[in-house]
Amino acid sequence: MMRRRVTTTILLLYAVSVAAVTVLPIRAHPAAYWAAEPWWTVFHWIPGVVDGPSFVLNVIMFIPLGVLLPLLRPRLDAVRRLTAYAAGASFSIELTQFVLGMTLGSRRTVDVNDLIANTAGALVGLLILRLALPSRRRRATCVAGKPSSPPPPE
């Protein structure tokens, strides 16, 4: 039970940190500040057009998610399920950045490459977890305790 609390606390601190890095600071600007620039310029839809350091940092940012979620929820110890969760979390960040940009004028970019890198980072985290704890049963019981049902097959 104590391991679960510690892991949950780490996950919550991690989530707050990710929110702080991806959303803050919020710099509100008047509409006139961006008047010469169309609103759709905040979207970067072309995959692969990204600077390397930014991509790598986005991968690194989501590695903890790929380690912590399967430990807390053994059902997420599956590539497809974790991919869906990571992509959903990354999409939520991008959507938040877009909404803040349109409402407050903070003008953070919405980038498909961030979505790809974040999702890849979670999968790297899952790989690290599987290398550290090769036994599926051990991963399922490490933090979550005795499983009520066996983890799903890959």
N, C-alpha and C. Protein backbone atom coordinates (compact mmCIF):
# COMPACT_ATOMS: atom_id res chain seq x y z
N MET A 1 0.82 -1.19 0.00
CA MET A 1 0.00 0.00 0.00
C MET A 1 0.87 1.27 0.00
N MET A 2 1.96 1.24 0.76
CA MET A 2 2.85 2.39 0.83
C MET A 2 3.51 2.66 -0.53
N ARG A 3 3.91 1.59 -1.23
CA ARG A 3 4.50 1.76 -2.56
C ARG A 3 3.53 2.42 -3.51
N ARG A 4 2.28 2.03 -3.42
CA ARG A 4 1.26 2.61 -4.29
C ARG A 4 1.09 4.10 -4.02
N ARG A 5 1.08 4.48 -2.75
CA ARG A 5 0.95 5.90 -2.40
C ARG A 5 2.14 6.71 -2.90
N VAL A 6 3.32 6.16 -2.70
CA VAL A 6 4.53 6.86 -3.15
C VAL A 6 4.52 7.00 -4.67
N THR A 7 4.18 5.93 -5.36
CA THR A 7 4.15 5.97 -6.83
C THR A 7 3.08 6.93 -7.33
N THR A 8 1.92 6.94 -6.69
CA THR A 8 0.85 7.86 -7.06
C THR A 8 1.28 9.31 -6.82
N THR A 9 1.95 9.55 -5.71
CA THR A 9 2.45 10.90 -5.42
C THR A 9 3.47 11.34 -6.46
N ILE A 10 4.36 10.43 -6.83
CA ILE A 10 5.35 10.75 -7.87
C ILE A 10 4.65 11.06 -9.18
N LEU A 11 3.62 10.29 -9.54
CA LEU A 11 2.88 10.54 -10.77
C LEU A 11 2.20 11.91 -10.74
N LEU A 12 1.61 12.27 -9.62
CA LEU A 12 0.95 13.57 -9.50
C LEU A 12 1.96 14.72 -9.60
N LEU A 13 3.09 14.58 -8.92
CA LEU A 13 4.14 15.61 -9.01
C LEU A 13 4.67 15.72 -10.44
N TYR A 14 4.81 14.58 -11.09
CA TYR A 14 5.24 14.56 -12.48
C TYR A 14 4.22 15.29 -13.37
N ALA A 15 2.92 15.00 -13.17
CA ALA A 15 1.88 15.64 -13.99
C ALA A 15 1.87 17.15 -13.79
N VAL A 16 2.03 17.60 -12.56
CA VAL A 16 2.09 19.04 -12.28
C VAL A 16 3.31 19.66 -12.96
N SER A 17 4.43 18.97 -12.92
CA SER A 17 5.65 19.46 -13.57
C SER A 17 5.48 19.57 -15.07
N VAL A 18 4.86 18.56 -15.68
CA VAL A 18 4.62 18.60 -17.13
C VAL A 18 3.69 19.76 -17.47
N ALA A 19 2.65 19.95 -16.68
CA ALA A 19 1.73 21.08 -16.92
C ALA A 19 2.48 22.41 -16.82
N ALA A 20 3.34 22.52 -15.83
CA ALA A 20 4.09 23.76 -15.65
C ALA A 20 5.02 24.03 -16.83
N VAL A 21 5.67 22.99 -17.32
CA VAL A 21 6.61 23.15 -18.42
C VAL A 21 5.90 23.44 -19.74
N THR A 22 4.76 22.84 -19.96
CA THR A 22 4.10 22.95 -21.26
C THR A 22 3.10 24.10 -21.36
N VAL A 23 2.60 24.57 -20.24
CA VAL A 23 1.56 25.60 -20.28
C VAL A 23 2.07 26.94 -19.74
N LEU A 24 2.88 26.89 -18.71
CA LEU A 24 3.36 28.13 -18.09
C LEU A 24 4.64 28.60 -18.74
N PRO A 25 5.00 29.82 -18.75
CA PRO A 25 4.19 30.92 -18.26
C PRO A 25 3.12 31.31 -19.26
N ILE A 26 2.03 31.78 -18.75
CA ILE A 26 0.95 32.27 -19.61
C ILE A 26 1.14 33.77 -19.73
N ARG A 27 1.49 34.19 -20.89
CA ARG A 27 1.68 35.62 -21.14
C ARG A 27 0.52 36.13 -21.99
N ALA A 28 -0.39 36.78 -21.35
CA ALA A 28 -1.55 37.32 -22.07
C ALA A 28 -1.13 38.55 -22.87
N HIS A 29 -1.61 38.60 -24.09
CA HIS A 29 -1.35 39.74 -24.96
C HIS A 29 -2.68 40.22 -25.54
N PRO A 30 -2.81 41.51 -25.79
CA PRO A 30 -4.04 42.00 -26.43
C PRO A 30 -4.12 41.49 -27.87
N ALA A 31 -5.32 41.45 -28.40
CA ALA A 31 -5.53 40.94 -29.75
C ALA A 31 -4.69 41.70 -30.78
N ALA A 32 -4.48 42.97 -30.57
CA ALA A 32 -3.71 43.78 -31.51
C ALA A 32 -2.25 43.30 -31.62
N TYR A 33 -1.76 42.66 -30.58
CA TYR A 33 -0.39 42.16 -30.57
C TYR A 33 -0.16 41.14 -31.68
N TRP A 34 -1.17 40.34 -31.96
CA TRP A 34 -1.06 39.29 -32.98
C TRP A 34 -1.85 39.62 -34.25
N ALA A 35 -2.29 40.82 -34.42
CA ALA A 35 -3.18 41.19 -35.52
C ALA A 35 -2.59 40.88 -36.90
N ALA A 36 -1.30 41.00 -37.05
CA ALA A 36 -0.69 40.79 -38.37
C ALA A 36 -0.49 39.31 -38.68
N GLU A 37 -0.73 38.44 -37.72
CA GLU A 37 -0.47 37.02 -37.89
C GLU A 37 -1.78 36.23 -37.81
N PRO A 38 -2.13 35.43 -38.83
CA PRO A 38 -3.37 34.65 -38.77
C PRO A 38 -3.32 33.60 -37.64
N TRP A 39 -4.45 33.28 -37.07
CA TRP A 39 -4.51 32.37 -35.92
C TRP A 39 -4.01 30.97 -36.26
N TRP A 40 -4.17 30.54 -37.50
CA TRP A 40 -3.80 29.17 -37.86
C TRP A 40 -2.29 28.97 -37.96
N THR A 41 -1.52 30.02 -37.82
CA THR A 41 -0.07 29.86 -37.87
C THR A 41 0.48 29.18 -36.62
N VAL A 42 -0.34 29.00 -35.60
CA VAL A 42 0.12 28.30 -34.39
C VAL A 42 0.18 26.79 -34.63
N PHE A 43 -0.43 26.29 -35.71
CA PHE A 43 -0.43 24.87 -36.01
C PHE A 43 0.78 24.48 -36.86
N HIS A 44 1.48 23.45 -36.40
CA HIS A 44 2.58 22.86 -37.18
C HIS A 44 2.19 21.41 -37.44
N TRP A 45 1.68 21.15 -38.65
CA TRP A 45 1.09 19.85 -38.98
C TRP A 45 2.02 18.90 -39.69
N ILE A 46 3.18 19.36 -40.12
CA ILE A 46 4.04 18.52 -40.94
C ILE A 46 4.99 17.71 -40.05
N PRO A 47 4.82 16.38 -40.03
CA PRO A 47 5.72 15.56 -39.20
C PRO A 47 7.15 15.61 -39.71
N GLY A 48 8.09 15.59 -38.80
CA GLY A 48 9.50 15.56 -39.17
C GLY A 48 10.15 16.92 -39.30
N VAL A 49 9.35 17.97 -39.39
CA VAL A 49 9.91 19.32 -39.48
C VAL A 49 10.00 19.87 -38.06
N VAL A 50 11.10 19.53 -37.40
CA VAL A 50 11.28 19.91 -36.00
C VAL A 50 12.77 19.95 -35.69
N ASP A 51 13.14 20.81 -34.75
CA ASP A 51 14.55 20.81 -34.36
C ASP A 51 14.80 19.64 -33.43
N GLY A 52 15.98 19.05 -33.54
CA GLY A 52 16.33 17.85 -32.79
C GLY A 52 16.22 17.98 -31.29
N PRO A 53 16.80 19.03 -30.69
CA PRO A 53 16.72 19.14 -29.23
C PRO A 53 15.28 19.19 -28.70
N SER A 54 14.42 19.89 -29.40
CA SER A 54 13.02 19.98 -28.97
C SER A 54 12.37 18.60 -29.00
N PHE A 55 12.63 17.84 -30.05
CA PHE A 55 12.05 16.50 -30.17
C PHE A 55 12.56 15.60 -29.06
N VAL A 56 13.86 15.62 -28.82
CA VAL A 56 14.45 14.78 -27.78
C VAL A 56 13.90 15.14 -26.41
N LEU A 57 13.78 16.42 -26.12
CA LEU A 57 13.23 16.85 -24.83
C LEU A 57 11.79 16.40 -24.65
N ASN A 58 11.01 16.41 -25.73
CA ASN A 58 9.63 15.93 -25.65
C ASN A 58 9.58 14.42 -25.41
N VAL A 59 10.50 13.68 -26.00
CA VAL A 59 10.58 12.24 -25.74
C VAL A 59 10.91 12.02 -24.26
N ILE A 60 11.94 12.70 -23.78
CA ILE A 60 12.36 12.54 -22.38
C ILE A 60 11.25 12.91 -21.41
N MET A 61 10.49 13.93 -21.74
CA MET A 61 9.43 14.40 -20.84
C MET A 61 8.38 13.33 -20.57
N PHE A 62 8.13 12.44 -21.52
CA PHE A 62 7.06 11.45 -21.34
C PHE A 62 7.57 10.07 -20.91
N ILE A 63 8.87 9.89 -20.77
CA ILE A 63 9.40 8.60 -20.31
C ILE A 63 8.82 8.22 -18.94
N PRO A 64 8.77 9.13 -17.97
CA PRO A 64 8.19 8.75 -16.68
C PRO A 64 6.75 8.25 -16.77
N LEU A 65 5.98 8.80 -17.70
CA LEU A 65 4.60 8.35 -17.87
C LEU A 65 4.57 6.87 -18.27
N GLY A 66 5.48 6.48 -19.14
CA GLY A 66 5.55 5.09 -19.60
C GLY A 66 6.02 4.12 -18.54
N VAL A 67 6.67 4.63 -17.51
CA VAL A 67 7.09 3.79 -16.39
C VAL A 67 6.01 3.75 -15.31
N LEU A 68 5.48 4.92 -14.96
CA LEU A 68 4.57 5.01 -13.82
C LEU A 68 3.16 4.46 -14.08
N LEU A 69 2.58 4.76 -15.25
CA LEU A 69 1.22 4.27 -15.50
C LEU A 69 1.10 2.75 -15.45
N PRO A 70 1.98 1.99 -16.12
CA PRO A 70 1.86 0.53 -16.03
C PRO A 70 2.08 -0.01 -14.62
N LEU A 71 2.88 0.68 -13.82
CA LEU A 71 3.07 0.23 -12.44
C LEU A 71 1.80 0.42 -11.62
N LEU A 72 1.10 1.52 -11.86
CA LEU A 72 -0.12 1.80 -11.11
C LEU A 72 -1.34 1.08 -11.69
N ARG A 73 -1.37 0.93 -12.98
CA ARG A 73 -2.47 0.25 -13.68
C ARG A 73 -1.89 -0.83 -14.58
N PRO A 74 -1.80 -2.07 -14.08
CA PRO A 74 -1.20 -3.14 -14.87
C PRO A 74 -1.86 -3.35 -16.25
N ARG A 75 -3.10 -2.95 -16.40
CA ARG A 75 -3.75 -3.08 -17.71
C ARG A 75 -3.08 -2.20 -18.77
N LEU A 76 -2.35 -1.18 -18.32
CA LEU A 76 -1.66 -0.29 -19.26
C LEU A 76 -0.28 -0.81 -19.63
N ASP A 77 0.05 -2.01 -19.17
CA ASP A 77 1.31 -2.65 -19.55
C ASP A 77 1.13 -3.35 -20.89
N ALA A 78 0.61 -2.61 -21.83
CA ALA A 78 0.37 -3.09 -23.19
C ALA A 78 0.66 -1.92 -24.13
N VAL A 79 1.35 -2.19 -25.20
CA VAL A 79 1.80 -1.13 -26.10
C VAL A 79 0.62 -0.30 -26.63
N ARG A 80 -0.41 -0.94 -27.10
CA ARG A 80 -1.55 -0.20 -27.68
C ARG A 80 -2.26 0.67 -26.65
N ARG A 81 -2.49 0.11 -25.48
CA ARG A 81 -3.20 0.89 -24.45
C ARG A 81 -2.36 2.06 -23.97
N LEU A 82 -1.09 1.82 -23.73
CA LEU A 82 -0.22 2.91 -23.28
C LEU A 82 -0.09 3.97 -24.38
N THR A 83 0.00 3.54 -25.62
CA THR A 83 0.07 4.48 -26.74
C THR A 83 -1.16 5.38 -26.75
N ALA A 84 -2.33 4.80 -26.55
CA ALA A 84 -3.57 5.58 -26.53
C ALA A 84 -3.57 6.59 -25.39
N TYR A 85 -3.17 6.16 -24.20
CA TYR A 85 -3.12 7.07 -23.05
C TYR A 85 -2.12 8.19 -23.27
N ALA A 86 -0.93 7.85 -23.75
CA ALA A 86 0.10 8.86 -23.96
C ALA A 86 -0.31 9.85 -25.05
N ALA A 87 -0.88 9.34 -26.14
CA ALA A 87 -1.34 10.23 -27.21
C ALA A 87 -2.46 11.13 -26.70
N GLY A 88 -3.34 10.58 -25.87
CA GLY A 88 -4.42 11.39 -25.29
C GLY A 88 -3.89 12.48 -24.37
N ALA A 89 -2.91 12.15 -23.56
CA ALA A 89 -2.31 13.14 -22.66
C ALA A 89 -1.60 14.23 -23.47
N SER A 90 -0.87 13.82 -24.49
CA SER A 90 -0.16 14.78 -25.33
C SER A 90 -1.14 15.67 -26.08
N PHE A 91 -2.22 15.08 -26.60
CA PHE A 91 -3.23 15.86 -27.30
C PHE A 91 -3.87 16.87 -26.35
N SER A 92 -4.09 16.48 -25.10
CA SER A 92 -4.66 17.40 -24.11
C SER A 92 -3.75 18.60 -23.88
N ILE A 93 -2.46 18.36 -23.85
CA ILE A 93 -1.50 19.46 -23.69
C ILE A 93 -1.58 20.40 -24.89
N GLU A 94 -1.57 19.83 -26.08
CA GLU A 94 -1.61 20.65 -27.30
C GLU A 94 -2.92 21.44 -27.38
N LEU A 95 -4.02 20.80 -27.00
CA LEU A 95 -5.32 21.48 -27.01
C LEU A 95 -5.33 22.63 -25.99
N THR A 96 -4.77 22.40 -24.83
CA THR A 96 -4.68 23.45 -23.81
C THR A 96 -3.85 24.62 -24.32
N GLN A 97 -2.74 24.32 -24.96
CA GLN A 97 -1.90 25.39 -25.51
C GLN A 97 -2.66 26.18 -26.58
N PHE A 98 -3.43 25.48 -27.40
CA PHE A 98 -4.21 26.16 -28.44
C PHE A 98 -5.28 27.05 -27.82
N VAL A 99 -6.02 26.52 -26.85
CA VAL A 99 -7.10 27.30 -26.22
C VAL A 99 -6.52 28.53 -25.53
N LEU A 100 -5.43 28.36 -24.81
CA LEU A 100 -4.80 29.52 -24.15
C LEU A 100 -4.29 30.52 -25.18
N GLY A 101 -3.80 30.03 -26.28
CA GLY A 101 -3.34 30.91 -27.34
C GLY A 101 -4.47 31.72 -27.97
N MET A 102 -5.60 31.06 -28.16
CA MET A 102 -6.73 31.75 -28.80
C MET A 102 -7.46 32.67 -27.83
N THR A 103 -7.49 32.33 -26.56
CA THR A 103 -8.24 33.15 -25.60
C THR A 103 -7.39 34.23 -24.94
N LEU A 104 -6.16 33.92 -24.60
CA LEU A 104 -5.31 34.88 -23.89
C LEU A 104 -4.19 35.44 -24.76
N GLY A 105 -4.01 34.84 -25.93
CA GLY A 105 -2.95 35.32 -26.81
C GLY A 105 -1.57 34.86 -26.42
N SER A 106 -1.46 33.74 -25.69
CA SER A 106 -0.14 33.27 -25.25
C SER A 106 0.69 32.74 -26.41
N ARG A 107 0.02 32.30 -27.47
CA ARG A 107 0.65 31.90 -28.74
C ARG A 107 1.68 30.79 -28.64
N ARG A 108 1.39 29.77 -27.87
CA ARG A 108 2.22 28.56 -27.88
C ARG A 108 1.84 27.79 -29.15
N THR A 109 2.80 27.12 -29.76
CA THR A 109 2.49 26.40 -30.99
C THR A 109 1.88 25.03 -30.69
N VAL A 110 1.06 24.57 -31.60
CA VAL A 110 0.45 23.25 -31.54
C VAL A 110 1.15 22.43 -32.61
N ASP A 111 1.93 21.44 -32.18
CA ASP A 111 2.84 20.76 -33.09
C ASP A 111 2.60 19.26 -33.09
N VAL A 112 2.37 18.68 -34.26
CA VAL A 112 2.17 17.24 -34.39
C VAL A 112 3.44 16.49 -33.96
N ASN A 113 4.58 17.12 -34.12
CA ASN A 113 5.84 16.48 -33.71
C ASN A 113 5.91 16.29 -32.19
N ASP A 114 5.30 17.20 -31.45
CA ASP A 114 5.24 17.04 -29.99
C ASP A 114 4.41 15.81 -29.64
N LEU A 115 3.31 15.64 -30.34
CA LEU A 115 2.44 14.48 -30.12
C LEU A 115 3.20 13.18 -30.39
N ILE A 116 3.93 13.16 -31.49
CA ILE A 116 4.71 11.97 -31.85
C ILE A 116 5.82 11.71 -30.83
N ALA A 117 6.56 12.76 -30.46
CA ALA A 117 7.67 12.61 -29.52
C ALA A 117 7.18 12.19 -28.14
N ASN A 118 6.11 12.80 -27.67
CA ASN A 118 5.58 12.46 -26.35
C ASN A 118 5.13 11.01 -26.30
N THR A 119 4.43 10.57 -27.32
CA THR A 119 3.96 9.19 -27.36
C THR A 119 5.14 8.23 -27.43
N ALA A 120 6.14 8.57 -28.22
CA ALA A 120 7.35 7.74 -28.30
C ALA A 120 8.05 7.69 -26.95
N GLY A 121 8.07 8.79 -26.23
CA GLY A 121 8.70 8.82 -24.92
C GLY A 121 8.03 7.88 -23.94
N ALA A 122 6.70 7.83 -23.96
CA ALA A 122 5.98 6.90 -23.07
C ALA A 122 6.33 5.46 -23.44
N LEU A 123 6.46 5.17 -24.72
CA LEU A 123 6.82 3.81 -25.13
C LEU A 123 8.26 3.47 -24.74
N VAL A 124 9.15 4.44 -24.78
CA VAL A 124 10.52 4.23 -24.29
C VAL A 124 10.47 3.93 -22.79
N GLY A 125 9.62 4.64 -22.06
CA GLY A 125 9.47 4.37 -20.63
C GLY A 125 8.98 2.97 -20.37
N LEU A 126 8.03 2.50 -21.17
CA LEU A 126 7.54 1.13 -21.03
C LEU A 126 8.66 0.13 -21.32
N LEU A 127 9.46 0.41 -22.33
CA LEU A 127 10.60 -0.45 -22.65
C LEU A 127 11.59 -0.51 -21.48
N ILE A 128 11.88 0.64 -20.90
CA ILE A 128 12.78 0.69 -19.75
C ILE A 128 12.21 -0.13 -18.59
N LEU A 129 10.91 0.03 -18.34
CA LEU A 129 10.26 -0.73 -17.28
C LEU A 129 10.36 -2.23 -17.54
N ARG A 130 10.12 -2.63 -18.77
CA ARG A 130 10.18 -4.06 -19.11
C ARG A 130 11.60 -4.61 -19.03
N LEU A 131 12.59 -3.78 -19.32
CA LEU A 131 13.98 -4.23 -19.17
C LEU A 131 14.36 -4.34 -17.70
N ALA A 132 13.84 -3.43 -16.88
CA ALA A 132 14.14 -3.45 -15.45
C ALA A 132 13.40 -4.57 -14.73
N LEU A 133 12.17 -4.82 -15.12
CA LEU A 133 11.34 -5.88 -14.52
C LEU A 133 10.79 -6.76 -15.65
N PRO A 134 11.56 -7.74 -16.11
CA PRO A 134 11.14 -8.55 -17.27
C PRO A 134 9.86 -9.35 -17.03
N SER A 135 9.59 -9.74 -15.81
CA SER A 135 8.41 -10.55 -15.54
C SER A 135 7.15 -9.69 -15.50
N ARG A 136 6.19 -10.04 -16.34
CA ARG A 136 4.92 -9.31 -16.37
C ARG A 136 4.22 -9.38 -15.02
N ARG A 137 4.27 -10.55 -14.40
CA ARG A 137 3.63 -10.71 -13.09
C ARG A 137 4.31 -9.82 -12.05
N ARG A 138 5.63 -9.73 -12.10
CA ARG A 138 6.37 -8.88 -11.15
C ARG A 138 6.01 -7.40 -11.35
N ARG A 139 5.92 -6.97 -12.62
CA ARG A 139 5.54 -5.58 -12.89
C ARG A 139 4.14 -5.30 -12.37
N ALA A 140 3.24 -6.29 -12.54
CA ALA A 140 1.85 -6.10 -12.13
C ALA A 140 1.70 -6.02 -10.62
N THR A 141 2.56 -6.69 -9.87
CA THR A 141 2.43 -6.71 -8.42
C THR A 141 3.43 -5.80 -7.71
N CYS A 142 4.37 -5.22 -8.42
CA CYS A 142 5.41 -4.39 -7.83
C CYS A 142 4.84 -3.24 -7.02
N VAL A 143 3.88 -2.53 -7.56
CA VAL A 143 3.27 -1.38 -6.89
C VAL A 143 1.79 -1.60 -6.65
N ALA A 144 1.12 -2.16 -7.64
CA ALA A 144 -0.34 -2.27 -7.58
C ALA A 144 -0.81 -3.33 -6.60
N GLY A 145 0.08 -4.18 -6.14
CA GLY A 145 -0.33 -5.25 -5.23
C GLY A 145 -0.78 -6.47 -5.99
N LYS A 146 -1.50 -7.34 -5.32
CA LYS A 146 -1.95 -8.59 -5.92
C LYS A 146 -3.00 -8.29 -7.01
N PRO A 147 -2.74 -8.72 -8.25
CA PRO A 147 -3.69 -8.43 -9.32
C PRO A 147 -4.98 -9.22 -9.16
N SER A 148 -6.11 -8.55 -9.45
CA SER A 148 -7.40 -9.24 -9.38
C SER A 148 -7.61 -10.11 -10.60
N SER A 149 -6.98 -9.76 -11.69
CA SER A 149 -7.03 -10.57 -12.92
C SER A 149 -5.67 -10.44 -13.58
N PRO A 150 -5.29 -11.42 -14.38
CA PRO A 150 -3.98 -11.34 -15.03
C PRO A 150 -3.93 -10.19 -16.01
N PRO A 151 -2.75 -9.59 -16.20
CA PRO A 151 -2.62 -8.51 -17.16
C PRO A 151 -2.99 -9.00 -18.57
N PRO A 152 -3.47 -8.08 -19.41
CA PRO A 152 -3.87 -8.51 -20.77
C PRO A 152 -2.68 -8.92 -21.59
N PRO A 153 -2.86 -9.84 -22.53
CA PRO A 153 -1.77 -10.22 -23.43
C PRO A 153 -1.47 -9.08 -24.39
N GLU A 154 -0.28 -9.06 -24.92
CA GLU A 154 0.12 -8.03 -25.90
C GLU A 154 -0.61 -8.19 -27.19
